[in-house]
């Protein structure tokens, strides 16, 4: 039900991919920029009409030129040392993404590790929060059949696998 994969999130054949978005939803670097480039200009146009998204929340758009039908734009926090509610904000954006997936009857979803790139959230800490929130939603009866946590590097993949093993997977 939860699988760690190494690869390019923009190429996955799933119902929805999650974008590690910024508050404007208009694209940026890293995963966000890659998703916007792969989805094409209609994604940016739809995001412009969405009027942004606060940190800890998520919004859903069409996937356009992506293999995924939807993009869930989840806005994680910038890391400021851990004393400004970063853990809760990160958990909140995963919960929001899972809620949107549930509301839109999404069966398969792929997540990047939100906030760990230019937002500098410590990777292992972010992985633990991500997996905790994903498993919480699944344990509460989510209809989602398959969740992929997508890693770009081998090192990130190994870290995610190690942390997943602590969840009894």
N, C-alpha and C. Protein backbone atom coordinates (compact mmCIF):
# COMPACT_ATOMS: atom_id res chain seq x y z
N UNK A 1 0.82 -1.20 0.00
CA UNK A 1 0.00 0.00 0.00
C UNK A 1 0.86 1.26 0.00
N UNK A 2 2.00 1.25 0.71
CA UNK A 2 2.95 2.36 0.67
C UNK A 2 4.26 1.82 0.12
N UNK A 3 4.74 2.46 -0.94
CA UNK A 3 5.96 2.00 -1.59
C UNK A 3 6.89 3.17 -1.84
N UNK A 4 8.16 2.94 -1.59
CA UNK A 4 9.19 3.95 -1.87
C UNK A 4 9.75 3.64 -3.26
N UNK A 5 9.79 4.66 -4.12
CA UNK A 5 10.33 4.46 -5.46
C UNK A 5 11.35 5.55 -5.76
N UNK A 6 12.30 5.20 -6.60
CA UNK A 6 13.30 6.17 -7.05
C UNK A 6 12.96 6.51 -8.49
N UNK A 7 12.86 7.79 -8.78
CA UNK A 7 12.56 8.17 -10.15
C UNK A 7 12.04 9.58 -10.27
N UNK A 8 11.39 9.82 -11.39
CA UNK A 8 10.86 11.13 -11.74
C UNK A 8 9.35 11.13 -11.51
N UNK A 9 8.89 11.89 -10.55
CA UNK A 9 7.47 11.92 -10.19
C UNK A 9 6.60 12.34 -11.37
N UNK A 10 7.14 13.12 -12.29
CA UNK A 10 6.34 13.61 -13.41
C UNK A 10 6.03 12.52 -14.43
N UNK A 11 6.68 11.36 -14.31
CA UNK A 11 6.47 10.28 -15.27
C UNK A 11 5.59 9.16 -14.74
N UNK A 12 5.13 9.27 -13.50
CA UNK A 12 4.37 8.18 -12.90
C UNK A 12 2.94 8.14 -13.41
N UNK A 13 2.47 6.92 -13.65
CA UNK A 13 1.09 6.67 -14.07
C UNK A 13 0.25 6.45 -12.81
N UNK A 14 -0.18 7.53 -12.20
CA UNK A 14 -1.01 7.49 -11.00
C UNK A 14 -2.18 8.45 -11.18
N UNK A 15 -3.16 8.35 -10.29
CA UNK A 15 -4.29 9.28 -10.37
C UNK A 15 -3.85 10.71 -10.05
N UNK A 16 -2.96 10.85 -9.06
CA UNK A 16 -2.52 12.20 -8.66
C UNK A 16 -1.07 12.17 -8.22
N UNK A 17 -0.37 13.24 -8.58
CA UNK A 17 0.95 13.47 -8.00
C UNK A 17 0.83 14.71 -7.11
N UNK A 18 1.64 14.71 -6.07
CA UNK A 18 1.66 15.85 -5.16
C UNK A 18 2.85 16.72 -5.54
N UNK A 19 2.58 18.01 -5.59
CA UNK A 19 3.61 18.99 -5.91
C UNK A 19 4.06 19.65 -4.61
N UNK A 20 5.36 19.70 -4.39
CA UNK A 20 5.93 20.45 -3.27
C UNK A 20 5.93 21.92 -3.69
N UNK A 21 4.78 22.55 -3.53
CA UNK A 21 4.53 23.87 -4.08
C UNK A 21 4.94 24.99 -3.14
N UNK A 22 5.05 26.18 -3.72
CA UNK A 22 5.20 27.37 -2.89
C UNK A 22 3.82 28.04 -2.78
N UNK A 23 3.71 29.06 -1.96
CA UNK A 23 2.41 29.67 -1.69
C UNK A 23 1.75 30.29 -2.92
N UNK A 24 2.51 30.69 -3.92
CA UNK A 24 1.92 31.30 -5.11
C UNK A 24 1.28 30.26 -6.03
N UNK A 25 1.73 29.03 -5.95
CA UNK A 25 1.34 27.92 -6.83
C UNK A 25 1.78 28.12 -8.28
N UNK A 26 2.62 29.08 -8.53
CA UNK A 26 2.97 29.43 -9.90
C UNK A 26 4.26 28.79 -10.40
N UNK A 27 4.78 27.84 -9.67
CA UNK A 27 6.00 27.16 -10.09
C UNK A 27 7.21 27.74 -9.39
N UNK A 28 8.28 27.00 -9.45
CA UNK A 28 9.52 27.41 -8.81
C UNK A 28 10.62 26.47 -9.25
N UNK A 29 11.50 26.13 -8.33
CA UNK A 29 12.58 25.22 -8.64
C UNK A 29 12.24 23.80 -8.22
N UNK A 30 13.19 22.91 -8.35
CA UNK A 30 13.05 21.54 -7.88
C UNK A 30 11.84 20.81 -8.45
N UNK A 31 11.17 20.06 -7.58
CA UNK A 31 9.99 19.28 -7.96
C UNK A 31 8.91 20.20 -8.55
N UNK A 32 8.70 21.33 -7.91
CA UNK A 32 7.67 22.28 -8.35
C UNK A 32 7.90 22.71 -9.80
N UNK A 33 9.10 23.12 -10.12
CA UNK A 33 9.41 23.53 -11.48
C UNK A 33 9.29 22.38 -12.47
N UNK A 34 9.75 21.19 -12.07
CA UNK A 34 9.67 20.02 -12.95
C UNK A 34 8.22 19.68 -13.27
N UNK A 35 7.36 19.74 -12.27
CA UNK A 35 5.94 19.43 -12.49
C UNK A 35 5.31 20.47 -13.41
N UNK A 36 5.59 21.74 -13.18
CA UNK A 36 5.03 22.78 -14.04
C UNK A 36 5.52 22.63 -15.49
N UNK A 37 6.80 22.33 -15.67
CA UNK A 37 7.32 22.17 -17.03
C UNK A 37 6.66 20.97 -17.72
N UNK A 38 6.54 19.86 -17.01
CA UNK A 38 5.97 18.65 -17.61
C UNK A 38 4.47 18.78 -17.87
N UNK A 39 3.76 19.51 -17.02
CA UNK A 39 2.31 19.65 -17.18
C UNK A 39 1.94 20.63 -18.29
N UNK A 40 2.81 21.57 -18.58
CA UNK A 40 2.55 22.55 -19.63
C UNK A 40 1.90 23.82 -19.10
N UNK A 41 1.72 24.81 -19.97
CA UNK A 41 1.27 26.14 -19.55
C UNK A 41 -0.14 26.21 -18.99
N UNK A 42 -0.99 25.23 -19.30
CA UNK A 42 -2.36 25.27 -18.76
C UNK A 42 -2.37 25.09 -17.25
N UNK A 43 -1.37 24.37 -16.71
CA UNK A 43 -1.29 24.22 -15.26
C UNK A 43 -1.05 25.57 -14.60
N UNK A 44 -0.10 26.32 -15.12
CA UNK A 44 0.18 27.64 -14.55
C UNK A 44 -1.04 28.55 -14.63
N UNK A 45 -1.76 28.47 -15.74
CA UNK A 45 -2.97 29.29 -15.90
C UNK A 45 -4.01 28.94 -14.84
N UNK A 46 -4.22 27.63 -14.60
CA UNK A 46 -5.18 27.24 -13.57
C UNK A 46 -4.70 27.65 -12.19
N UNK A 47 -3.41 27.49 -11.93
CA UNK A 47 -2.85 27.88 -10.63
C UNK A 47 -2.98 29.38 -10.40
N UNK A 48 -2.83 30.17 -11.44
CA UNK A 48 -2.96 31.63 -11.31
C UNK A 48 -4.38 32.00 -10.87
N UNK A 49 -5.36 31.24 -11.31
CA UNK A 49 -6.74 31.51 -10.92
C UNK A 49 -7.04 31.02 -9.50
N UNK A 50 -6.19 30.16 -8.96
CA UNK A 50 -6.43 29.61 -7.62
C UNK A 50 -6.08 30.59 -6.50
N UNK A 51 -5.40 31.67 -6.82
CA UNK A 51 -5.07 32.72 -5.85
C UNK A 51 -4.22 32.24 -4.69
N UNK A 52 -3.29 31.35 -4.96
CA UNK A 52 -2.33 30.94 -3.93
C UNK A 52 -2.89 29.92 -2.95
N UNK A 53 -2.03 29.56 -2.00
CA UNK A 53 -2.36 28.53 -1.01
C UNK A 53 -1.47 28.76 0.21
N UNK A 54 -2.07 28.79 1.40
CA UNK A 54 -1.25 29.01 2.60
C UNK A 54 -0.40 27.79 2.97
N UNK A 55 0.67 28.03 3.67
CA UNK A 55 1.53 26.96 4.17
C UNK A 55 0.70 26.02 5.05
N UNK A 56 0.92 24.72 4.85
CA UNK A 56 0.19 23.71 5.60
C UNK A 56 -1.09 23.27 4.93
N UNK A 57 -1.40 23.84 3.76
CA UNK A 57 -2.62 23.51 3.04
C UNK A 57 -2.29 22.91 1.68
N UNK A 58 -3.34 22.57 0.94
CA UNK A 58 -3.17 21.99 -0.39
C UNK A 58 -4.36 22.35 -1.28
N UNK A 59 -4.11 22.40 -2.58
CA UNK A 59 -5.16 22.62 -3.58
C UNK A 59 -4.96 21.65 -4.72
N UNK A 60 -6.06 21.29 -5.38
CA UNK A 60 -6.02 20.33 -6.47
C UNK A 60 -6.26 21.01 -7.81
N UNK A 61 -5.49 20.61 -8.82
CA UNK A 61 -5.69 21.07 -10.19
C UNK A 61 -5.70 19.85 -11.11
N UNK A 62 -6.02 20.10 -12.35
CA UNK A 62 -5.88 19.07 -13.38
C UNK A 62 -4.40 18.78 -13.60
N UNK A 63 -4.10 17.64 -14.20
CA UNK A 63 -2.71 17.26 -14.49
C UNK A 63 -2.22 17.69 -15.86
N UNK A 64 -3.13 18.03 -16.74
CA UNK A 64 -2.81 18.50 -18.10
C UNK A 64 -1.91 17.53 -18.85
N UNK A 65 -0.68 17.90 -19.17
CA UNK A 65 0.17 17.05 -20.01
C UNK A 65 0.91 15.96 -19.23
N UNK A 66 0.64 15.84 -17.95
CA UNK A 66 1.24 14.79 -17.13
C UNK A 66 0.48 13.48 -17.32
N UNK A 67 1.11 12.34 -17.05
CA UNK A 67 0.36 11.08 -17.05
C UNK A 67 -0.68 11.03 -15.91
N UNK A 68 -0.44 11.77 -14.84
CA UNK A 68 -1.37 11.83 -13.71
C UNK A 68 -2.56 12.71 -14.07
N UNK A 69 -3.73 12.29 -13.63
CA UNK A 69 -4.96 13.05 -13.91
C UNK A 69 -5.02 14.36 -13.13
N UNK A 70 -4.46 14.35 -11.90
CA UNK A 70 -4.51 15.52 -11.03
C UNK A 70 -3.13 15.84 -10.47
N UNK A 71 -2.97 17.11 -10.07
CA UNK A 71 -1.83 17.55 -9.26
C UNK A 71 -2.41 18.13 -7.97
N UNK A 72 -1.91 17.65 -6.86
CA UNK A 72 -2.27 18.22 -5.56
C UNK A 72 -1.08 19.06 -5.12
N UNK A 73 -1.29 20.36 -5.04
CA UNK A 73 -0.23 21.30 -4.68
C UNK A 73 -0.24 21.47 -3.16
N UNK A 74 0.77 20.92 -2.49
CA UNK A 74 0.87 20.98 -1.03
C UNK A 74 2.00 21.94 -0.66
N UNK A 75 1.68 22.90 0.18
CA UNK A 75 2.66 23.92 0.55
C UNK A 75 3.23 23.60 1.92
N UNK A 76 4.49 23.17 1.93
CA UNK A 76 5.17 22.87 3.17
C UNK A 76 5.89 24.10 3.70
N UNK A 77 6.38 23.99 4.93
CA UNK A 77 7.06 25.13 5.56
C UNK A 77 8.53 25.23 5.19
N UNK A 78 9.03 26.44 5.29
CA UNK A 78 10.48 26.67 5.24
C UNK A 78 11.02 26.33 6.63
N UNK A 79 12.14 25.64 6.68
CA UNK A 79 12.76 25.26 7.95
C UNK A 79 13.46 26.46 8.57
N UNK A 80 13.09 26.77 9.82
CA UNK A 80 13.73 27.86 10.57
C UNK A 80 14.32 27.35 11.87
N UNK A 81 14.68 26.07 11.92
CA UNK A 81 15.29 25.51 13.11
C UNK A 81 14.35 24.67 13.95
N UNK A 82 13.09 24.61 13.60
CA UNK A 82 12.14 23.75 14.29
C UNK A 82 11.30 24.41 15.36
N UNK A 83 11.55 25.66 15.64
CA UNK A 83 10.82 26.33 16.71
C UNK A 83 9.65 27.19 16.26
N UNK A 84 9.30 27.11 14.99
CA UNK A 84 8.21 27.94 14.47
C UNK A 84 7.06 27.10 13.93
N UNK A 85 6.85 25.93 14.54
CA UNK A 85 5.72 25.09 14.14
C UNK A 85 5.93 24.35 12.84
N UNK A 86 7.17 24.19 12.41
CA UNK A 86 7.44 23.57 11.12
C UNK A 86 6.92 22.13 11.03
N UNK A 87 7.10 21.34 12.10
CA UNK A 87 6.65 19.95 12.08
C UNK A 87 5.14 19.88 11.84
N UNK A 88 4.38 20.68 12.58
CA UNK A 88 2.92 20.66 12.45
C UNK A 88 2.48 21.17 11.08
N UNK A 89 3.14 22.19 10.56
CA UNK A 89 2.79 22.69 9.24
C UNK A 89 3.06 21.64 8.16
N UNK A 90 4.16 20.92 8.29
CA UNK A 90 4.46 19.87 7.32
C UNK A 90 3.43 18.75 7.43
N UNK A 91 3.13 18.33 8.63
CA UNK A 91 2.11 17.29 8.84
C UNK A 91 0.77 17.75 8.25
N UNK A 92 0.44 19.01 8.46
CA UNK A 92 -0.82 19.55 7.97
C UNK A 92 -0.92 19.51 6.45
N UNK A 93 0.17 19.79 5.74
CA UNK A 93 0.08 19.77 4.28
C UNK A 93 -0.07 18.34 3.77
N UNK A 94 0.52 17.34 4.46
CA UNK A 94 0.28 15.94 4.07
C UNK A 94 -1.17 15.54 4.35
N UNK A 95 -1.70 15.95 5.50
CA UNK A 95 -3.11 15.65 5.81
C UNK A 95 -4.03 16.29 4.78
N UNK A 96 -3.74 17.53 4.41
CA UNK A 96 -4.58 18.23 3.43
C UNK A 96 -4.53 17.52 2.08
N UNK A 97 -3.36 17.07 1.67
CA UNK A 97 -3.23 16.36 0.40
C UNK A 97 -4.01 15.04 0.44
N UNK A 98 -3.91 14.31 1.52
CA UNK A 98 -4.64 13.04 1.65
C UNK A 98 -6.15 13.28 1.67
N UNK A 99 -6.59 14.35 2.33
CA UNK A 99 -8.03 14.69 2.34
C UNK A 99 -8.54 15.00 0.93
N UNK A 100 -7.77 15.80 0.19
CA UNK A 100 -8.17 16.11 -1.19
C UNK A 100 -8.23 14.84 -2.04
N UNK A 101 -7.27 13.96 -1.86
CA UNK A 101 -7.28 12.70 -2.60
C UNK A 101 -8.54 11.90 -2.27
N UNK A 102 -8.89 11.87 -1.02
CA UNK A 102 -10.10 11.16 -0.60
C UNK A 102 -11.35 11.79 -1.21
N UNK A 103 -11.44 13.10 -1.13
CA UNK A 103 -12.61 13.83 -1.65
C UNK A 103 -12.78 13.63 -3.16
N UNK A 104 -11.67 13.46 -3.89
CA UNK A 104 -11.73 13.33 -5.34
C UNK A 104 -11.61 11.87 -5.80
N UNK A 105 -11.80 10.95 -4.85
CA UNK A 105 -11.85 9.52 -5.15
C UNK A 105 -10.59 9.03 -5.88
N UNK A 106 -9.46 9.50 -5.40
CA UNK A 106 -8.17 9.12 -5.98
C UNK A 106 -7.73 7.79 -5.36
N UNK A 107 -7.35 6.85 -6.21
CA UNK A 107 -6.92 5.53 -5.75
C UNK A 107 -5.41 5.41 -5.61
N UNK A 108 -4.67 6.14 -6.46
CA UNK A 108 -3.21 6.05 -6.43
C UNK A 108 -2.63 7.46 -6.40
N UNK A 109 -1.65 7.65 -5.54
CA UNK A 109 -1.07 8.99 -5.33
C UNK A 109 0.42 8.86 -5.11
N UNK A 110 1.15 9.85 -5.59
CA UNK A 110 2.61 9.88 -5.42
C UNK A 110 3.03 11.19 -4.77
N UNK A 111 3.85 11.08 -3.74
CA UNK A 111 4.36 12.23 -3.00
C UNK A 111 5.86 12.38 -3.20
N UNK A 112 6.34 13.62 -3.34
CA UNK A 112 7.78 13.87 -3.17
C UNK A 112 8.00 14.05 -1.66
N UNK A 113 9.22 14.28 -1.25
CA UNK A 113 9.46 14.60 0.16
C UNK A 113 9.39 16.13 0.30
N UNK A 114 8.25 16.59 0.74
CA UNK A 114 7.91 18.02 0.76
C UNK A 114 8.81 18.79 1.73
N UNK A 115 9.24 19.95 1.32
CA UNK A 115 10.02 20.94 2.09
C UNK A 115 11.49 20.59 2.29
N UNK A 116 11.96 19.49 1.70
CA UNK A 116 13.35 19.09 1.95
C UNK A 116 14.35 19.66 0.96
N UNK A 117 13.88 20.31 -0.08
CA UNK A 117 14.78 20.90 -1.06
C UNK A 117 15.20 22.29 -0.61
N UNK A 118 14.80 23.30 -1.35
CA UNK A 118 15.21 24.67 -1.05
C UNK A 118 14.61 25.18 0.27
N UNK A 119 13.63 24.48 0.83
CA UNK A 119 13.06 24.88 2.12
C UNK A 119 13.87 24.31 3.29
N UNK A 120 14.82 23.42 3.02
CA UNK A 120 15.83 22.93 3.96
C UNK A 120 15.30 22.19 5.19
N UNK A 121 14.09 21.62 5.10
CA UNK A 121 13.59 20.81 6.20
C UNK A 121 14.49 19.58 6.29
N UNK A 122 14.94 19.19 7.49
CA UNK A 122 15.83 18.01 7.61
C UNK A 122 15.15 16.77 7.00
N UNK A 123 15.86 16.10 6.12
CA UNK A 123 15.27 15.03 5.31
C UNK A 123 14.69 13.90 6.16
N UNK A 124 15.45 13.36 7.09
CA UNK A 124 14.95 12.23 7.89
C UNK A 124 13.73 12.63 8.70
N UNK A 125 13.75 13.80 9.25
CA UNK A 125 12.62 14.30 10.03
C UNK A 125 11.38 14.43 9.14
N UNK A 126 11.57 14.98 7.94
CA UNK A 126 10.46 15.13 7.01
C UNK A 126 9.89 13.78 6.58
N UNK A 127 10.77 12.80 6.35
CA UNK A 127 10.31 11.45 5.98
C UNK A 127 9.44 10.84 7.06
N UNK A 128 9.88 10.97 8.30
CA UNK A 128 9.11 10.43 9.41
C UNK A 128 7.73 11.07 9.51
N UNK A 129 7.67 12.38 9.34
CA UNK A 129 6.39 13.09 9.38
C UNK A 129 5.51 12.65 8.21
N UNK A 130 6.09 12.57 7.03
CA UNK A 130 5.33 12.16 5.84
C UNK A 130 4.72 10.78 6.04
N UNK A 131 5.54 9.81 6.43
CA UNK A 131 5.04 8.45 6.59
C UNK A 131 4.02 8.35 7.71
N UNK A 132 4.24 9.08 8.80
CA UNK A 132 3.26 9.08 9.90
C UNK A 132 1.90 9.56 9.42
N UNK A 133 1.87 10.64 8.67
CA UNK A 133 0.59 11.19 8.20
C UNK A 133 -0.05 10.30 7.14
N UNK A 134 0.75 9.73 6.27
CA UNK A 134 0.21 8.83 5.25
C UNK A 134 -0.41 7.61 5.92
N UNK A 135 0.32 6.98 6.84
CA UNK A 135 -0.22 5.80 7.53
C UNK A 135 -1.42 6.15 8.39
N UNK A 136 -1.43 7.31 9.00
CA UNK A 136 -2.58 7.72 9.79
C UNK A 136 -3.84 7.78 8.91
N UNK A 137 -3.72 8.40 7.76
CA UNK A 137 -4.86 8.50 6.84
C UNK A 137 -5.31 7.11 6.38
N UNK A 138 -4.37 6.26 6.04
CA UNK A 138 -4.71 4.92 5.60
C UNK A 138 -5.36 4.12 6.72
N UNK A 139 -4.83 4.25 7.93
CA UNK A 139 -5.39 3.54 9.08
C UNK A 139 -6.79 4.02 9.45
N UNK A 140 -7.10 5.26 9.10
CA UNK A 140 -8.43 5.81 9.39
C UNK A 140 -9.44 5.45 8.31
N UNK A 141 -9.06 4.56 7.40
CA UNK A 141 -10.01 4.05 6.42
C UNK A 141 -10.01 4.74 5.07
N UNK A 142 -8.92 5.39 4.71
CA UNK A 142 -8.83 6.03 3.40
C UNK A 142 -9.09 5.02 2.30
N UNK A 143 -9.71 5.48 1.23
CA UNK A 143 -9.98 4.62 0.08
C UNK A 143 -8.75 4.49 -0.83
N UNK A 144 -7.71 5.25 -0.58
CA UNK A 144 -6.50 5.22 -1.41
C UNK A 144 -5.88 3.83 -1.34
N UNK A 145 -5.66 3.24 -2.51
CA UNK A 145 -5.12 1.88 -2.58
C UNK A 145 -3.60 1.85 -2.56
N UNK A 146 -2.97 2.86 -3.19
CA UNK A 146 -1.50 2.83 -3.32
C UNK A 146 -0.94 4.23 -3.17
N UNK A 147 0.07 4.33 -2.28
CA UNK A 147 0.79 5.58 -2.08
C UNK A 147 2.25 5.33 -2.42
N UNK A 148 2.78 6.18 -3.29
CA UNK A 148 4.19 6.12 -3.63
C UNK A 148 4.89 7.32 -3.02
N UNK A 149 6.01 7.09 -2.38
CA UNK A 149 6.89 8.17 -1.93
C UNK A 149 8.07 8.15 -2.90
N UNK A 150 8.20 9.22 -3.64
CA UNK A 150 9.13 9.25 -4.77
C UNK A 150 10.40 10.01 -4.39
N UNK A 151 11.52 9.34 -4.58
CA UNK A 151 12.83 9.92 -4.26
C UNK A 151 13.61 10.11 -5.55
N UNK A 152 14.36 11.18 -5.58
CA UNK A 152 15.16 11.48 -6.77
C UNK A 152 16.54 10.83 -6.69
N UNK A 153 17.11 10.77 -5.48
CA UNK A 153 18.47 10.23 -5.35
C UNK A 153 18.46 8.88 -4.64
N UNK A 154 19.52 8.13 -4.85
CA UNK A 154 19.69 6.83 -4.19
C UNK A 154 19.78 7.01 -2.67
N UNK A 155 20.47 8.04 -2.24
CA UNK A 155 20.61 8.31 -0.80
C UNK A 155 19.24 8.58 -0.16
N UNK A 156 18.42 9.40 -0.81
CA UNK A 156 17.08 9.68 -0.29
C UNK A 156 16.23 8.41 -0.26
N UNK A 157 16.34 7.60 -1.32
CA UNK A 157 15.62 6.33 -1.40
C UNK A 157 15.99 5.43 -0.23
N UNK A 158 17.29 5.29 0.03
CA UNK A 158 17.76 4.44 1.13
C UNK A 158 17.25 4.96 2.48
N UNK A 159 17.27 6.27 2.67
CA UNK A 159 16.78 6.85 3.92
C UNK A 159 15.29 6.57 4.08
N UNK A 160 14.51 6.80 3.05
CA UNK A 160 13.07 6.53 3.11
C UNK A 160 12.79 5.06 3.40
N UNK A 161 13.53 4.15 2.75
CA UNK A 161 13.35 2.71 2.99
C UNK A 161 13.63 2.36 4.45
N UNK A 162 14.70 2.92 5.00
CA UNK A 162 15.05 2.65 6.38
C UNK A 162 13.95 3.14 7.32
N UNK A 163 13.44 4.33 7.07
CA UNK A 163 12.40 4.89 7.94
C UNK A 163 11.10 4.11 7.75
N UNK A 164 10.78 3.73 6.54
CA UNK A 164 9.57 2.92 6.29
C UNK A 164 9.62 1.63 7.08
N UNK A 165 10.80 1.02 7.19
CA UNK A 165 10.92 -0.26 7.91
C UNK A 165 10.54 -0.12 9.38
N UNK A 166 10.66 1.08 9.94
CA UNK A 166 10.27 1.29 11.35
C UNK A 166 8.76 1.32 11.51
N UNK A 167 8.03 1.40 10.41
CA UNK A 167 6.56 1.39 10.44
C UNK A 167 6.02 -0.04 10.24
N UNK A 168 6.93 -1.02 10.25
CA UNK A 168 6.50 -2.41 10.10
C UNK A 168 6.18 -2.79 8.67
N UNK A 169 6.72 -2.06 7.72
CA UNK A 169 6.47 -2.36 6.30
C UNK A 169 7.60 -3.15 5.71
